[in-house]
Amino acid sequence: MSHSNSRSAGTSTNAMVGTVFLIVVSAFAVASSESTKTVEFNVKPGGVVHTFSEKIKDHECSFTYASQGGTNEQWHMSVGLSDDDRLVSCSVWRPQGKSYLFFTQFKAEITGSKMEYASAFSQSAVGGQKDVPLKEEEYIVGDSSVTQREGKFRAELSKVTMIARTKHDEL
């Protein structure tokens, strides 16, 4: 799947991406009994750049950010790997649903992989609320990362989800 940053179809593109995501997630879940690791970490305000990362086998997920306002928030990071080592997933989110911090920058990355799906959200689903995706112009999906788009990102972030194909296929 290619990730063009110039999308004009809007709703139909979102529907297509959602459908592709469900297919990829279903294939990921059915094709393997994925091993997953979930850890908690603090997102700290103060404007300083912080990085939190977690590894599963040879794959690393990292979340680099700077934020302002409020106090530390408890966040989660999950990394998963399919049994055949071909897909790796990474999610970073605030379990309470919405962050009250203002993010001046963010980058979520899975090293040594090629992005298949990625999305970022201003609110994550909790207590009957739904995920609220960022507008597509607010972030950039690269080959192995998701990052804010300068001048477009509105400083609200509560969740980033990525699924990538490992370089295992090329060995």
C-alpha atoms as a PDB file:
ATOM      1  CA  MET A   1       0.000   0.000   0.000  1.00  0.00           C
ATOM      2  CA  SER A   2       1.495   3.350  -0.911  1.00  0.00           C
ATOM      3  CA  HIS A   3       1.004   6.329   1.326  1.00  0.00           C
ATOM      4  CA  SER A   4       0.482   9.427  -0.759  1.00  0.00           C
ATOM      5  CA  ASN A   5       0.178  12.584   1.245  1.00  0.00           C
ATOM      6  CA  SER A   6      -2.065  14.253  -1.324  1.00  0.00           C
ATOM      7  CA  ARG A   7      -5.456  12.733  -0.779  1.00  0.00           C
ATOM      8  CA  SER A   8      -8.458  14.259  -2.447  1.00  0.00           C
ATOM      9  CA  ALA A   9     -11.091  11.580  -1.975  1.00  0.00           C
ATOM     10  CA  GLY A  10     -11.539  12.423   1.732  1.00  0.00           C
ATOM     11  CA  THR A  11     -14.295  10.221   3.110  1.00  0.00           C
ATOM     12  CA  SER A  12     -13.914   7.457   0.545  1.00  0.00           C
ATOM     13  CA  THR A  13     -10.155   7.355   1.217  1.00  0.00           C
ATOM     14  CA  ASN A  14     -10.825   7.108   4.957  1.00  0.00           C
ATOM     15  CA  ALA A  15     -13.321   4.313   4.348  1.00  0.00           C
ATOM     16  CA  MET A  16     -10.833   2.502   2.123  1.00  0.00           C
ATOM     17  CA  VAL A  17      -8.012   2.916   4.651  1.00  0.00           C
ATOM     18  CA  GLY A  18     -10.334   1.682   7.411  1.00  0.00           C
ATOM     19  CA  THR A  19     -11.270  -1.365   5.354  1.00  0.00           C
ATOM     20  CA  VAL A  20      -7.628  -2.093   4.499  1.00  0.00           C
ATOM     21  CA  PHE A  21      -6.717  -1.676   8.168  1.00  0.00           C
ATOM     22  CA  LEU A  22      -9.404  -4.188   9.202  1.00  0.00           C
ATOM     23  CA  ILE A  23      -8.162  -6.646   6.576  1.00  0.00           C
ATOM     24  CA  VAL A  24      -4.547  -6.241   7.703  1.00  0.00           C
ATOM     25  CA  VAL A  25      -5.483  -6.537  11.389  1.00  0.00           C
ATOM     26  CA  SER A  26      -7.669  -9.589  10.696  1.00  0.00           C
ATOM     27  CA  ALA A  27      -4.900 -11.231   8.683  1.00  0.00           C
ATOM     28  CA  PHE A  28      -2.445 -10.337  11.429  1.00  0.00           C
ATOM     29  CA  ALA A  29      -4.646 -11.890  14.126  1.00  0.00           C
ATOM     30  CA  VAL A  30      -5.671 -14.992  12.141  1.00  0.00           C
ATOM     31  CA  ALA A  31      -2.296 -15.739  10.555  1.00  0.00           C
ATOM     32  CA  SER A  32      -0.532 -15.879  13.873  1.00  0.00           C
ATOM     33  CA  SER A  33      -0.820 -16.081  17.576  1.00  0.00           C
ATOM     34  CA  GLU A  34       1.008 -12.788  17.788  1.00  0.00           C
ATOM     35  CA  SER A  35       3.328 -12.290  20.719  1.00  0.00           C
ATOM     36  CA  THR A  36       2.643  -8.884  22.248  1.00  0.00           C
ATOM     37  CA  LYS A  37       4.264  -6.845  24.967  1.00  0.00           C
ATOM     38  CA  THR A  38       2.516  -3.870  26.619  1.00  0.00           C
ATOM     39  CA  VAL A  39       4.330  -1.477  28.933  1.00  0.00           C
ATOM     40  CA  GLU A  40       3.410   1.726  30.758  1.00  0.00           C
ATOM     41  CA  PHE A  41       5.448   4.920  30.619  1.00  0.00           C
ATOM     42  CA  ASN A  42       5.112   8.568  31.604  1.00  0.00           C
ATOM     43  CA  VAL A  43       4.664  11.288  28.999  1.00  0.00           C
ATOM     44  CA  LYS A  44       6.304  14.331  30.550  1.00  0.00           C
ATOM     45  CA  PRO A  45       5.497  17.970  29.737  1.00  0.00           C
ATOM     46  CA  GLY A  46       8.076  20.756  29.851  1.00  0.00           C
ATOM     47  CA  GLY A  47       8.964  21.207  26.193  1.00  0.00           C
ATOM     48  CA  VAL A  48      11.961  18.848  26.343  1.00  0.00           C
ATOM     49  CA  VAL A  49      12.263  16.115  23.701  1.00  0.00           C
ATOM     50  CA  HIS A  50      11.838  12.634  25.236  1.00  0.00           C
ATOM     51  CA  THR A  51      11.989   9.189  23.640  1.00  0.00           C
ATOM     52  CA  PHE A  52      10.452   5.990  24.953  1.00  0.00           C
ATOM     53  CA  SER A  53      11.095   2.707  23.172  1.00  0.00           C
ATOM     54  CA  GLU A  54      10.358  -0.972  23.523  1.00  0.00           C
ATOM     55  CA  LYS A  55      11.783  -3.977  21.664  1.00  0.00           C
ATOM     56  CA  ILE A  56      10.343  -7.302  20.631  1.00  0.00           C
ATOM     57  CA  LYS A  57      12.995  -9.637  19.211  1.00  0.00           C
ATOM     58  CA  ASP A  58      14.979  -7.542  16.689  1.00  0.00           C
ATOM     59  CA  HIS A  59      12.285  -4.896  16.236  1.00  0.00           C
ATOM     60  CA  GLU A  60      12.041  -1.642  18.134  1.00  0.00           C
ATOM     61  CA  CYS A  61       9.146   0.766  18.455  1.00  0.00           C
ATOM     62  CA  SER A  62       9.977   4.268  19.619  1.00  0.00           C
ATOM     63  CA  PHE A  63       7.905   7.315  20.487  1.00  0.00           C
ATOM     64  CA  THR A  64       9.732  10.650  20.476  1.00  0.00           C
ATOM     65  CA  TYR A  65       7.858  13.765  21.548  1.00  0.00           C
ATOM     66  CA  ALA A  66       7.889  17.168  23.193  1.00  0.00           C
ATOM     67  CA  SER A  67       4.833  18.448  25.044  1.00  0.00           C
ATOM     68  CA  GLN A  68       3.688  21.378  27.189  1.00  0.00           C
ATOM     69  CA  GLY A  69       1.206  21.956  30.013  1.00  0.00           C
ATOM     70  CA  GLY A  70      -0.226  19.901  32.827  1.00  0.00           C
ATOM     71  CA  THR A  71       1.572  17.104  34.631  1.00  0.00           C
ATOM     72  CA  ASN A  72       2.963  13.702  33.698  1.00  0.00           C
ATOM     73  CA  GLU A  73       0.440  11.379  32.025  1.00  0.00           C
ATOM     74  CA  GLN A  74       0.467   7.604  32.125  1.00  0.00           C
ATOM     75  CA  TRP A  75       0.591   6.165  28.573  1.00  0.00           C
ATOM     76  CA  HIS A  76       0.905   2.638  27.174  1.00  0.00           C
ATOM     77  CA  MET A  77       3.000   1.169  24.388  1.00  0.00           C
ATOM     78  CA  SER A  78       2.252  -2.226  22.822  1.00  0.00           C
ATOM     79  CA  VAL A  79       4.589  -3.959  20.407  1.00  0.00           C
ATOM     80  CA  GLY A  80       3.633  -7.185  18.693  1.00  0.00           C
ATOM     81  CA  LEU A  81       5.204  -9.591  16.265  1.00  0.00           C
ATOM     82  CA  SER A  82       3.475 -12.213  14.145  1.00  0.00           C
ATOM     83  CA  ASP A  83       4.693 -15.800  14.575  1.00  0.00           C
ATOM     84  CA  ASP A  84       6.151 -15.774  11.071  1.00  0.00           C
ATOM     85  CA  ASP A  85       8.098 -12.567  11.926  1.00  0.00           C
ATOM     86  CA  ARG A  86       6.660 -10.791   8.867  1.00  0.00           C
ATOM     87  CA  LEU A  87       4.455  -8.185  10.567  1.00  0.00           C
ATOM     88  CA  VAL A  88       5.233  -5.989  13.528  1.00  0.00           C
ATOM     89  CA  SER A  89       2.714  -3.723  15.240  1.00  0.00           C
ATOM     90  CA  CYS A  90       3.148  -0.783  17.558  1.00  0.00           C
ATOM     91  CA  SER A  91       0.541   1.292  19.358  1.00  0.00           C
ATOM     92  CA  VAL A  92       1.130   4.199  21.705  1.00  0.00           C
ATOM     93  CA  TRP A  93      -1.882   5.609  23.552  1.00  0.00           C
ATOM     94  CA  ARG A  94      -3.290   7.310  26.607  1.00  0.00           C
ATOM     95  CA  PRO A  95      -5.638   4.761  28.237  1.00  0.00           C
ATOM     96  CA  GLN A  96      -7.845   7.542  29.680  1.00  0.00           C
ATOM     97  CA  GLY A  97      -8.816   8.461  26.128  1.00  0.00           C
ATOM     98  CA  LYS A  98      -7.691  12.063  25.782  1.00  0.00           C
ATOM     99  CA  SER A  99      -4.404  13.717  26.559  1.00  0.00           C
ATOM    100  CA  TYR A 100      -4.483  17.169  28.093  1.00  0.00           C
ATOM    101  CA  LEU A 101      -0.926  17.921  27.020  1.00  0.00           C
ATOM    102  CA  PHE A 102      -0.077  20.062  23.992  1.00  0.00           C
ATOM    103  CA  PHE A 103       2.358  18.192  21.757  1.00  0.00           C
ATOM    104  CA  THR A 104       4.788  20.454  19.948  1.00  0.00           C
ATOM    105  CA  GLN A 105       6.211  17.445  18.076  1.00  0.00           C
ATOM    106  CA  PHE A 106       5.920  13.677  17.818  1.00  0.00           C
ATOM    107  CA  LYS A 107       7.423  10.794  15.902  1.00  0.00           C
ATOM    108  CA  ALA A 108       6.445   7.148  16.268  1.00  0.00           C
ATOM    109  CA  GLU A 109       8.733   4.689  14.499  1.00  0.00           C
ATOM    110  CA  ILE A 110       9.249   0.977  13.964  1.00  0.00           C
ATOM    111  CA  THR A 111      12.879   0.350  13.048  1.00  0.00           C
ATOM    112  CA  GLY A 112      13.863  -2.059  10.297  1.00  0.00           C
ATOM    113  CA  SER A 113      10.422  -2.249   8.699  1.00  0.00           C
ATOM    114  CA  LYS A 114       8.219  -0.929   5.885  1.00  0.00           C
ATOM    115  CA  MET A 115       4.968   0.740   6.940  1.00  0.00           C
ATOM    116  CA  GLU A 116       1.767  -1.012   5.848  1.00  0.00           C
ATOM    117  CA  TYR A 117      -0.689   1.046   7.913  1.00  0.00           C
ATOM    118  CA  ALA A 118      -0.435   3.999  10.272  1.00  0.00           C
ATOM    119  CA  SER A 119      -2.820   6.439  11.863  1.00  0.00           C
ATOM    120  CA  ALA A 120      -2.806   9.065  14.594  1.00  0.00           C
ATOM    121  CA  PHE A 121      -5.668  10.156  16.817  1.00  0.00           C
ATOM    122  CA  SER A 122      -6.552  13.172  18.957  1.00  0.00           C
ATOM    123  CA  GLN A 123      -8.691  10.932  21.199  1.00  0.00           C
ATOM    124  CA  SER A 124      -8.545   7.183  21.784  1.00  0.00           C
ATOM    125  CA  ALA A 125     -11.591   5.010  22.382  1.00  0.00           C
ATOM    126  CA  VAL A 126     -12.540   4.623  26.036  1.00  0.00           C
ATOM    127  CA  GLY A 127     -15.799   4.485  27.998  1.00  0.00           C
ATOM    128  CA  GLY A 128     -18.077   4.425  24.966  1.00  0.00           C
ATOM    129  CA  GLN A 129     -16.124   7.170  23.182  1.00  0.00           C
ATOM    130  CA  LYS A 130     -14.708   6.493  19.718  1.00  0.00           C
ATOM    131  CA  ASP A 131     -11.232   7.025  18.333  1.00  0.00           C
ATOM    132  CA  VAL A 132     -11.062  10.512  16.835  1.00  0.00           C
ATOM    133  CA  PRO A 133      -8.489  10.520  14.019  1.00  0.00           C
ATOM    134  CA  LEU A 134      -6.277  13.483  13.288  1.00  0.00           C
ATOM    135  CA  LYS A 135      -6.954  15.133   9.954  1.00  0.00           C
ATOM    136  CA  GLU A 136      -4.720  13.611   7.278  1.00  0.00           C
ATOM    137  CA  GLU A 137      -2.928  16.930   6.713  1.00  0.00           C
ATOM    138  CA  GLU A 138      -1.802  16.987  10.385  1.00  0.00           C
ATOM    139  CA  TYR A 139       0.700  14.129  10.078  1.00  0.00           C
ATOM    140  CA  ILE A 140       3.020  12.374   7.648  1.00  0.00           C
ATOM    141  CA  VAL A 141       3.345   8.611   7.194  1.00  0.00           C
ATOM    142  CA  GLY A 142       6.851   7.665   6.106  1.00  0.00           C
ATOM    143  CA  ASP A 143       8.422   4.310   5.252  1.00  0.00           C
ATOM    144  CA  SER A 144       8.856   3.421   8.932  1.00  0.00           C
ATOM    145  CA  SER A 145       7.428   6.330  10.934  1.00  0.00           C
ATOM    146  CA  VAL A 146       4.549   8.687  11.631  1.00  0.00           C
ATOM    147  CA  THR A 147       5.339  12.300  12.469  1.00  0.00           C
ATOM    148  CA  GLN A 148       3.571  15.655  12.842  1.00  0.00           C
ATOM    149  CA  ARG A 149       3.370  17.968   9.850  1.00  0.00           C
ATOM    150  CA  GLU A 150       4.874  21.355  10.665  1.00  0.00           C
ATOM    151  CA  GLY A 151       2.297  24.130  10.604  1.00  0.00           C
ATOM    152  CA  LYS A 152      -0.684  21.745  10.294  1.00  0.00           C
ATOM    153  CA  PHE A 153      -0.541  19.622  13.475  1.00  0.00           C
ATOM    154  CA  ARG A 154      -2.946  21.035  16.089  1.00  0.00           C
ATOM    155  CA  ALA A 155      -0.939  19.759  19.101  1.00  0.00           C
ATOM    156  CA  GLU A 156      -3.576  17.168  20.119  1.00  0.00           C
ATOM    157  CA  LEU A 157      -2.415  13.551  20.310  1.00  0.00           C
ATOM    158  CA  SER A 158      -3.759  10.590  22.271  1.00  0.00           C
ATOM    159  CA  LYS A 159      -2.903   7.556  20.122  1.00  0.00           C
ATOM    160  CA  VAL A 160      -0.675   6.363  17.276  1.00  0.00           C
ATOM    161  CA  THR A 161      -1.117   2.945  15.635  1.00  0.00           C
ATOM    162  CA  MET A 162       1.269   1.330  13.143  1.00  0.00           C
ATOM    163  CA  ILE A 163       1.557  -2.011  11.376  1.00  0.00           C
ATOM    164  CA  ALA A 164       4.702  -2.654   9.354  1.00  0.00           C
ATOM    165  CA  ARG A 165       6.166  -5.425   7.242  1.00  0.00           C
ATOM    166  CA  THR A 166       9.512  -6.581   8.579  1.00  0.00           C
ATOM    167  CA  LYS A 167      12.626  -6.888   6.444  1.00  0.00           C
ATOM    168  CA  HIS A 168      12.388 -10.644   7.179  1.00  0.00           C
ATOM    169  CA  ASP A 169      11.038 -11.182   3.635  1.00  0.00           C
ATOM    170  CA  GLU A 170      14.266  -9.887   2.124  1.00  0.00           C
ATOM    171  CA  LEU A 171      16.662 -12.202   3.956  1.00  0.00           C
END
